[in-house]
Amino acid sequence: MKQILRLRAEDVEDLRVVSAVLQDALVSVGEMEFMAGEHRFAMVVNRFRWENCSETADMPVLAEPEARGEQEDAAFAECESYERVNCGICFDGVAQVRCKGMDRRERGRILELLAVQAEPGAIVLVFAGGAALRLEGTAITCQVEDLGEPWPTRWRPHHPLSDTA
C-alpha cells in the first residue's frame, strides 16, 4: 500500500504546503459542498501525487535541449511515477462561501485547482480559467486526506511559462 497523505493546516505556512500538494487537483462542481449549519466546506478531488516528483529538484539540467536552443527546467524532469488519488479536503470555521467564474448548477463541470491562498478572514481556492471560491470565516482550519489507493496516469500536469515581454 502506498503512503497515504494526511495533513492539517492551521496557519499560513501549513496552507502553503496544502496548496503545493493540491496543485493541479481536479474537482467537479458537484463534489463540493458547503454545510452552513456545521460551518464546514468539503470537497473530494482527484489529486496528482506531486510527492512522486520530490527528487527532481536536485536533478541535473540535461544538455541536449540546450543544444536545440531550449532550456530544460529541472522542475519538469521525470517523476518516479505519474499517479493520481482521490483526496478529501475539509475546511472548518467557514461562515460563508462566495463563488466567482462558476455556476454551482453546472455540477458536472471539472475545475483544475491552481492554488489555495490565505487572505485576511478568508481562504481562496483559485482554479484555472478564472474561477475561484472564497471561504470566509475566522480561524479556518483545513484537513486533507487521501482516500483509497492511487492509480497510474500517463499525464503530468504542465504549466506553460508566461510571456514576459
C-alpha atoms as a PDB file:
ATOM      1  CA  MET A   1       0.000   0.000   0.000  1.00  0.00           C
ATOM      2  CA  LYS A   2       1.301   3.446  -0.924  1.00  0.00           C
ATOM      3  CA  GLN A   3       1.821   6.175   1.664  1.00  0.00           C
ATOM      4  CA  ILE A   4      -1.468   7.951   2.423  1.00  0.00           C
ATOM      5  CA  LEU A   5      -1.241  11.726   2.694  1.00  0.00           C
ATOM      6  CA  ARG A   6      -2.810  13.277   5.810  1.00  0.00           C
ATOM      7  CA  LEU A   7      -2.336  16.980   6.528  1.00  0.00           C
ATOM      8  CA  ARG A   8      -3.813  19.559   8.864  1.00  0.00           C
ATOM      9  CA  ALA A   9      -3.404  23.276   8.175  1.00  0.00           C
ATOM     10  CA  GLU A  10      -3.881  25.840  10.923  1.00  0.00           C
ATOM     11  CA  ASP A  11      -1.768  28.755   9.692  1.00  0.00           C
ATOM     12  CA  VAL A  12      -0.402  30.371   6.523  1.00  0.00           C
ATOM     13  CA  GLU A  13       2.726  28.174   6.409  1.00  0.00           C
ATOM     14  CA  ASP A  14       0.647  24.999   6.724  1.00  0.00           C
ATOM     15  CA  LEU A  15      -1.650  26.262   3.983  1.00  0.00           C
ATOM     16  CA  ARG A  16       1.309  26.708   1.624  1.00  0.00           C
ATOM     17  CA  VAL A  17       2.075  23.001   1.993  1.00  0.00           C
ATOM     18  CA  VAL A  18      -1.577  22.134   1.343  1.00  0.00           C
ATOM     19  CA  SER A  19      -1.548  24.358  -1.745  1.00  0.00           C
ATOM     20  CA  ALA A  20       1.558  22.628  -3.098  1.00  0.00           C
ATOM     21  CA  VAL A  21       0.171  19.098  -2.731  1.00  0.00           C
ATOM     22  CA  LEU A  22      -3.228  20.076  -4.153  1.00  0.00           C
ATOM     23  CA  GLN A  23      -1.878  21.963  -7.171  1.00  0.00           C
ATOM     24  CA  ASP A  24      -3.469  20.555 -10.348  1.00  0.00           C
ATOM     25  CA  ALA A  25      -6.135  18.610  -8.459  1.00  0.00           C
ATOM     26  CA  LEU A  26      -9.297  18.084 -10.491  1.00  0.00           C
ATOM     27  CA  VAL A  27     -12.726  18.528  -8.911  1.00  0.00           C
ATOM     28  CA  SER A  28     -16.240  18.569 -10.284  1.00  0.00           C
ATOM     29  CA  VAL A  29     -18.541  21.311  -9.061  1.00  0.00           C
ATOM     30  CA  GLY A  30     -20.874  18.563  -7.808  1.00  0.00           C
ATOM     31  CA  GLU A  31     -18.145  17.240  -5.469  1.00  0.00           C
ATOM     32  CA  MET A  32     -18.048  20.492  -3.459  1.00  0.00           C
ATOM     33  CA  GLU A  33     -20.437  21.164  -0.594  1.00  0.00           C
ATOM     34  CA  PHE A  34     -20.901  23.983   1.922  1.00  0.00           C
ATOM     35  CA  MET A  35     -22.606  22.786   5.102  1.00  0.00           C
ATOM     36  CA  ALA A  36     -23.597  26.145   6.580  1.00  0.00           C
ATOM     37  CA  GLY A  37     -25.004  24.729   9.810  1.00  0.00           C
ATOM     38  CA  GLU A  38     -21.688  22.977  10.515  1.00  0.00           C
ATOM     39  CA  HIS A  39     -19.527  25.887   9.290  1.00  0.00           C
ATOM     40  CA  ARG A  40     -17.795  23.387   7.001  1.00  0.00           C
ATOM     41  CA  PHE A  41     -16.838  23.310   3.334  1.00  0.00           C
ATOM     42  CA  ALA A  42     -15.793  19.937   1.927  1.00  0.00           C
ATOM     43  CA  MET A  43     -14.783  18.538  -1.439  1.00  0.00           C
ATOM     44  CA  VAL A  44     -13.361  15.392  -2.961  1.00  0.00           C
ATOM     45  CA  VAL A  45     -10.683  15.969  -5.578  1.00  0.00           C
ATOM     46  CA  ASN A  46      -8.612  13.867  -7.950  1.00  0.00           C
ATOM     47  CA  ARG A  47      -5.097  14.799  -6.788  1.00  0.00           C
ATOM     48  CA  PHE A  48      -1.860  14.478  -8.783  1.00  0.00           C
ATOM     49  CA  ARG A  49       0.728  12.909  -6.447  1.00  0.00           C
ATOM     50  CA  TRP A  50       3.470  15.550  -6.651  1.00  0.00           C
ATOM     51  CA  GLU A  51       5.359  13.778  -3.863  1.00  0.00           C
ATOM     52  CA  ASN A  52       6.486  11.249  -6.511  1.00  0.00           C
ATOM     53  CA  CYS A  53       8.447  14.132  -8.036  1.00  0.00           C
ATOM     54  CA  SER A  54      10.228  15.345  -4.893  1.00  0.00           C
ATOM     55  CA  GLU A  55      13.624  14.107  -6.081  1.00  0.00           C
ATOM     56  CA  THR A  56      13.531  16.112  -9.317  1.00  0.00           C
ATOM     57  CA  ALA A  57      14.639  19.445  -7.860  1.00  0.00           C
ATOM     58  CA  ASP A  58      18.199  18.098  -7.481  1.00  0.00           C
ATOM     59  CA  MET A  59      18.411  16.500 -10.926  1.00  0.00           C
ATOM     60  CA  PRO A  60      20.950  18.000 -13.341  1.00  0.00           C
ATOM     61  CA  VAL A  61      19.834  20.031 -16.314  1.00  0.00           C
ATOM     62  CA  LEU A  62      20.120  17.983 -19.497  1.00  0.00           C
ATOM     63  CA  ALA A  63      22.499  19.263 -22.192  1.00  0.00           C
ATOM     64  CA  GLU A  64      20.534  18.087 -25.215  1.00  0.00           C
ATOM     65  CA  PRO A  65      17.669  20.667 -25.034  1.00  0.00           C
ATOM     66  CA  GLU A  66      20.209  23.460 -24.728  1.00  0.00           C
ATOM     67  CA  ALA A  67      21.798  22.343 -27.981  1.00  0.00           C
ATOM     68  CA  ARG A  68      18.392  22.785 -29.628  1.00  0.00           C
ATOM     69  CA  GLY A  69      18.134  26.312 -28.241  1.00  0.00           C
ATOM     70  CA  GLU A  70      15.715  25.303 -25.451  1.00  0.00           C
ATOM     71  CA  GLN A  71      16.124  25.407 -21.699  1.00  0.00           C
ATOM     72  CA  GLU A  72      15.336  22.342 -19.598  1.00  0.00           C
ATOM     73  CA  ASP A  73      13.685  23.163 -16.276  1.00  0.00           C
ATOM     74  CA  ALA A  74      14.607  20.642 -13.564  1.00  0.00           C
ATOM     75  CA  ALA A  75      11.109  21.049 -12.117  1.00  0.00           C
ATOM     76  CA  PHE A  76       9.800  19.313 -15.231  1.00  0.00           C
ATOM     77  CA  ALA A  77      12.176  16.355 -15.027  1.00  0.00           C
ATOM     78  CA  GLU A  78      10.636  12.892 -14.943  1.00  0.00           C
ATOM     79  CA  CYS A  79       8.815  11.760 -11.834  1.00  0.00           C
ATOM     80  CA  GLU A  80       9.321   8.340 -10.314  1.00  0.00           C
ATOM     81  CA  SER A  81       5.761   7.620 -11.462  1.00  0.00           C
ATOM     82  CA  TYR A  82       2.716   9.603 -12.508  1.00  0.00           C
ATOM     83  CA  GLU A  83      -0.201   8.880 -10.191  1.00  0.00           C
ATOM     84  CA  ARG A  84      -3.485  10.364  -9.073  1.00  0.00           C
ATOM     85  CA  VAL A  85      -5.522   9.604  -5.970  1.00  0.00           C
ATOM     86  CA  ASN A  86      -8.908  10.673  -4.625  1.00  0.00           C
ATOM     87  CA  CYS A  87      -8.452  13.098  -1.766  1.00  0.00           C
ATOM     88  CA  GLY A  88     -10.908  14.560   0.737  1.00  0.00           C
ATOM     89  CA  ILE A  89     -10.489  18.180   1.828  1.00  0.00           C
ATOM     90  CA  CYS A  90     -12.416  19.754   4.677  1.00  0.00           C
ATOM     91  CA  PHE A  91     -12.334  23.389   5.792  1.00  0.00           C
ATOM     92  CA  ASP A  92     -13.817  24.071   9.242  1.00  0.00           C
ATOM     93  CA  GLY A  93     -14.750  27.504  10.599  1.00  0.00           C
ATOM     94  CA  VAL A  94     -16.298  28.666   7.303  1.00  0.00           C
ATOM     95  CA  ALA A  95     -19.133  31.180   7.721  1.00  0.00           C
ATOM     96  CA  GLN A  96     -19.765  31.967   4.051  1.00  0.00           C
ATOM     97  CA  VAL A  97     -18.677  30.835   0.573  1.00  0.00           C
ATOM     98  CA  ARG A  98     -18.533  33.156  -2.425  1.00  0.00           C
ATOM     99  CA  CYS A  99     -18.141  31.900  -5.998  1.00  0.00           C
ATOM    100  CA  LYS A 100     -16.513  33.645  -8.947  1.00  0.00           C
ATOM    101  CA  GLY A 101     -16.422  32.395 -12.538  1.00  0.00           C
ATOM    102  CA  MET A 102     -18.505  29.276 -11.943  1.00  0.00           C
ATOM    103  CA  ASP A 103     -22.141  28.290 -11.815  1.00  0.00           C
ATOM    104  CA  ARG A 104     -22.970  25.896  -8.953  1.00  0.00           C
ATOM    105  CA  ARG A 105     -25.706  24.392 -11.162  1.00  0.00           C
ATOM    106  CA  GLU A 106     -23.023  23.062 -13.568  1.00  0.00           C
ATOM    107  CA  ARG A 107     -22.440  20.085 -11.271  1.00  0.00           C
ATOM    108  CA  GLY A 108     -20.529  18.105 -13.909  1.00  0.00           C
ATOM    109  CA  ARG A 109     -18.073  20.886 -14.745  1.00  0.00           C
ATOM    110  CA  ILE A 110     -14.479  19.896 -13.943  1.00  0.00           C
ATOM    111  CA  LEU A 111     -12.224  22.533 -12.389  1.00  0.00           C
ATOM    112  CA  GLU A 112      -8.437  22.443 -12.035  1.00  0.00           C
ATOM    113  CA  LEU A 113      -7.178  23.751  -8.706  1.00  0.00           C
ATOM    114  CA  LEU A 114      -4.146  26.004  -9.095  1.00  0.00           C
ATOM    115  CA  ALA A 115      -3.633  27.318  -5.562  1.00  0.00           C
ATOM    116  CA  VAL A 116      -5.000  27.603  -2.042  1.00  0.00           C
ATOM    117  CA  GLN A 117      -4.308  31.110  -0.747  1.00  0.00           C
ATOM    118  CA  ALA A 118      -4.708  32.699   2.677  1.00  0.00           C
ATOM    119  CA  GLU A 119      -6.206  36.174   2.858  1.00  0.00           C
ATOM    120  CA  PRO A 120      -7.314  38.155   5.911  1.00  0.00           C
ATOM    121  CA  GLY A 121     -10.506  36.464   7.118  1.00  0.00           C
ATOM    122  CA  ALA A 122     -10.627  34.036   4.188  1.00  0.00           C
ATOM    123  CA  ILE A 123      -9.086  31.207   2.224  1.00  0.00           C
ATOM    124  CA  VAL A 124      -9.321  31.425  -1.568  1.00  0.00           C
ATOM    125  CA  LEU A 125      -9.313  28.395  -3.843  1.00  0.00           C
ATOM    126  CA  VAL A 126      -8.021  29.559  -7.239  1.00  0.00           C
ATOM    127  CA  PHE A 127      -8.947  27.477 -10.292  1.00  0.00           C
ATOM    128  CA  ALA A 128      -7.772  27.587 -13.903  1.00  0.00           C
ATOM    129  CA  GLY A 129      -9.870  29.746 -16.200  1.00  0.00           C
ATOM    130  CA  GLY A 130     -10.511  32.497 -13.658  1.00  0.00           C
ATOM    131  CA  ALA A 131     -12.845  30.579 -11.330  1.00  0.00           C
ATOM    132  CA  ALA A 132     -12.417  30.955  -7.576  1.00  0.00           C
ATOM    133  CA  LEU A 133     -14.075  30.118  -4.282  1.00  0.00           C
ATOM    134  CA  ARG A 134     -13.657  32.420  -1.311  1.00  0.00           C
ATOM    135  CA  LEU A 135     -14.192  30.687   2.029  1.00  0.00           C
ATOM    136  CA  GLU A 136     -14.823  33.369   4.649  1.00  0.00           C
ATOM    137  CA  GLY A 137     -14.556  32.890   8.387  1.00  0.00           C
ATOM    138  CA  THR A 138     -12.334  33.288  11.395  1.00  0.00           C
ATOM    139  CA  ALA A 139      -9.769  30.674  12.387  1.00  0.00           C
ATOM    140  CA  ILE A 140     -10.414  28.418   9.377  1.00  0.00           C
ATOM    141  CA  THR A 141      -8.622  25.091   9.603  1.00  0.00           C
ATOM    142  CA  CYS A 142      -8.105  22.579   6.828  1.00  0.00           C
ATOM    143  CA  GLN A 143      -7.741  18.805   6.791  1.00  0.00           C
ATOM    144  CA  VAL A 144      -6.548  16.842   3.751  1.00  0.00           C
ATOM    145  CA  GLU A 145      -6.596  13.058   3.480  1.00  0.00           C
ATOM    146  CA  ASP A 146      -6.087  10.656   0.603  1.00  0.00           C
ATOM    147  CA  LEU A 147      -8.972   8.256   0.071  1.00  0.00           C
ATOM    148  CA  GLY A 148      -8.141   4.823  -1.280  1.00  0.00           C
ATOM    149  CA  GLU A 149      -5.321   3.660  -3.499  1.00  0.00           C
ATOM    150  CA  PRO A 150      -3.597   5.813  -6.145  1.00  0.00           C
ATOM    151  CA  TRP A 151      -3.777   4.823  -9.810  1.00  0.00           C
ATOM    152  CA  PRO A 152      -1.320   5.412 -12.633  1.00  0.00           C
ATOM    153  CA  THR A 153      -1.830   8.205 -15.124  1.00  0.00           C
ATOM    154  CA  ARG A 154       0.049   8.889 -18.345  1.00  0.00           C
ATOM    155  CA  TRP A 155      -0.037  12.658 -17.967  1.00  0.00           C
ATOM    156  CA  ARG A 156       1.880  15.006 -15.730  1.00  0.00           C
ATOM    157  CA  PRO A 157       0.338  18.473 -15.322  1.00  0.00           C
ATOM    158  CA  HIS A 158       2.301  21.099 -17.204  1.00  0.00           C
ATOM    159  CA  HIS A 159       2.130  24.859 -16.875  1.00  0.00           C
ATOM    160  CA  PRO A 160       3.470  26.817 -19.837  1.00  0.00           C
ATOM    161  CA  LEU A 161       5.715  29.695 -18.913  1.00  0.00           C
ATOM    162  CA  SER A 162       4.000  33.047 -19.383  1.00  0.00           C
ATOM    163  CA  ASP A 163       5.459  35.504 -21.855  1.00  0.00           C
ATOM    164  CA  THR A 164       7.400  38.251 -20.134  1.00  0.00           C
ATOM    165  CA  ALA A 165       7.992  40.867 -22.773  1.00  0.00           C
END
